[in-house]
Each structure stands twice: as structure tokens, then as C-alpha cells.
Amino acid sequence: MALVAAFFFGATRFFLKLFPFFLLRLNLNKTSALVAIIPVIFYTFIAGLSVAAVRSTIMVLSFLLALLLDREKDLYDGLLVGQFHGWGKIDKKLAC
């Protein structure tokens, strides 16, 4: 997921730099992060919504959301958010 996000983030930055009209009117990092969200979610569905794919999507989206909201981008926060995915499944298995 991180490779998909990095590719589309970089490609968007590259194409926006080609047009000075957009550079004057758009925030380069925020626009690139917003564009990168769509392919990351799409790739998650292509990957079959496996637990690992959804967890990595949550971590990447938390990082991109921090970028969009001008928050501090911390790797450990993304890992913490991604850790909580699947706890409902664990509770159901333990209840049996």
C-alpha cells in the first residue's frame, strides 16, 4: 500500500510541477495526498480486502490524513491505528 501511495503521491507532484497555474493555486502536498487516497482504497479492493491489506491501508490513510490536516506525521501513530483493526474478529473467536 505504501508503494501505491508513494507512486501516486510522486506522480501527482510531478504533474502539478509541470503547470505553474496549478502551483500558484493549490497546495502541492495536500493535493498530492488527496489524490493518493483514491488509488490506495482501490488497490485494497483489488487485493481482496485481506486483513494485512486493510491494516496497511489504515496505516497509509492515517499518514495521508495527518498530512492533509497539517498534523505531525509519525510512523508510530500509523502503526498504533493499524493495530486495532481486527479486534472484533479476535473477540468472536475467543467467545467460542
Protein backbone atom coordinates (compact mmCIF):
# COMPACT_ATOMS: atom_id res chain seq x y z
CA MET A 1 0.00 0.00 0.00
CA ALA A 2 2.80 2.37 0.82
CA LEU A 3 4.30 1.84 -2.63
CA VAL A 4 0.97 2.64 -4.30
CA ALA A 5 0.58 5.77 -2.18
CA ALA A 6 4.17 6.87 -2.81
CA PHE A 7 3.85 6.33 -6.56
CA PHE A 8 0.66 8.34 -6.93
CA PHE A 9 1.87 11.00 -4.49
CA GLY A 10 5.06 11.44 -6.52
CA ALA A 11 3.30 11.30 -9.88
CA THR A 12 0.82 13.97 -8.80
CA ARG A 13 3.63 16.19 -7.55
CA PHE A 14 5.48 15.73 -10.84
CA PHE A 15 2.47 16.60 -13.00
CA LEU A 16 1.49 19.58 -10.86
CA LYS A 17 5.02 20.97 -11.15
CA LEU A 18 4.64 20.99 -14.94
CA PHE A 19 1.80 23.53 -14.73
CA PRO A 20 2.63 26.76 -12.87
CA PHE A 21 -1.06 27.70 -12.95
CA PHE A 22 -1.85 24.89 -10.51
CA LEU A 23 1.22 25.53 -8.37
CA LEU A 24 0.01 29.03 -7.61
CA ARG A 25 -3.48 27.94 -6.62
CA LEU A 26 -3.07 24.53 -4.97
CA ASN A 27 -1.06 23.27 -2.04
CA LEU A 28 1.28 20.73 -3.59
CA ASN A 29 1.50 18.29 -0.66
CA LYS A 30 -2.18 18.36 0.26
CA THR A 31 -3.34 17.90 -3.33
CA SER A 32 -0.93 15.01 -3.84
CA ALA A 33 -2.08 13.34 -0.61
CA LEU A 34 -5.72 13.74 -1.57
CA VAL A 35 -5.12 12.22 -4.99
CA ALA A 36 -3.14 9.31 -3.48
CA ILE A 37 -6.06 8.28 -1.23
CA ILE A 38 -8.23 7.08 -4.12
CA PRO A 39 -5.79 4.54 -5.65
CA VAL A 40 -4.87 3.21 -2.20
CA ILE A 41 -8.51 2.39 -1.45
CA PHE A 42 -8.99 0.96 -4.94
CA TYR A 43 -5.91 -1.26 -4.58
CA THR A 44 -7.23 -2.55 -1.25
CA PHE A 45 -10.29 -3.90 -3.03
CA ILE A 46 -8.11 -5.41 -5.78
CA ALA A 47 -6.01 -7.13 -3.09
CA GLY A 48 -9.16 -8.85 -1.83
CA LEU A 49 -9.66 -6.96 1.44
CA SER A 50 -7.36 -9.32 3.30
CA VAL A 51 -6.52 -8.44 6.89
CA ALA A 52 -2.96 -7.41 6.04
CA ALA A 53 -4.11 -5.24 3.13
CA VAL A 54 -6.76 -3.47 5.19
CA ARG A 55 -4.32 -2.93 8.07
CA SER A 56 -1.70 -1.40 5.78
CA THR A 57 -4.39 0.73 4.13
CA ILE A 58 -5.44 2.08 7.51
CA MET A 59 -1.84 2.93 8.34
CA VAL A 60 -1.25 4.67 4.99
CA LEU A 61 -4.54 6.57 5.19
CA SER A 62 -3.75 7.74 8.72
CA PHE A 63 -0.43 9.10 7.45
CA LEU A 64 -2.06 10.83 4.46
CA LEU A 65 -4.82 12.23 6.68
CA ALA A 66 -2.19 13.66 9.02
CA LEU A 67 -0.61 15.31 6.01
CA LEU A 68 -3.96 16.74 4.92
CA LEU A 69 -4.75 18.10 8.39
CA ASP A 70 -1.28 19.61 8.92
CA ARG A 71 -0.63 17.29 11.83
CA GLU A 72 2.69 15.80 12.81
CA LYS A 73 3.40 12.78 10.65
CA ASP A 74 4.55 9.99 12.94
CA LEU A 75 5.19 6.41 11.91
CA TYR A 76 4.26 5.03 15.32
CA ASP A 77 0.82 6.66 15.23
CA GLY A 78 0.07 4.87 11.97
CA LEU A 79 1.19 1.57 13.46
CA LEU A 80 -0.99 2.14 16.51
CA VAL A 81 -4.08 2.88 14.43
CA GLY A 82 -3.46 -0.14 12.21
CA GLN A 83 -3.09 -2.39 15.22
CA PHE A 84 -6.73 -2.02 16.27
CA HIS A 85 -8.10 -3.48 13.04
CA GLY A 86 -9.44 -6.96 13.56
CA TRP A 87 -10.02 -6.88 17.32
CA GLY A 88 -13.70 -7.67 16.74
CA LYS A 89 -12.70 -10.82 14.89
CA ILE A 90 -10.44 -11.88 17.76
CA ASP A 91 -13.21 -11.38 20.32
CA LYS A 92 -15.60 -13.54 18.27
CA LYS A 93 -13.02 -16.33 18.05
CA LEU A 94 -12.34 -16.24 21.78
CA ALA A 95 -16.05 -16.35 22.63
CA CYS A 96 -16.49 -19.79 21.01
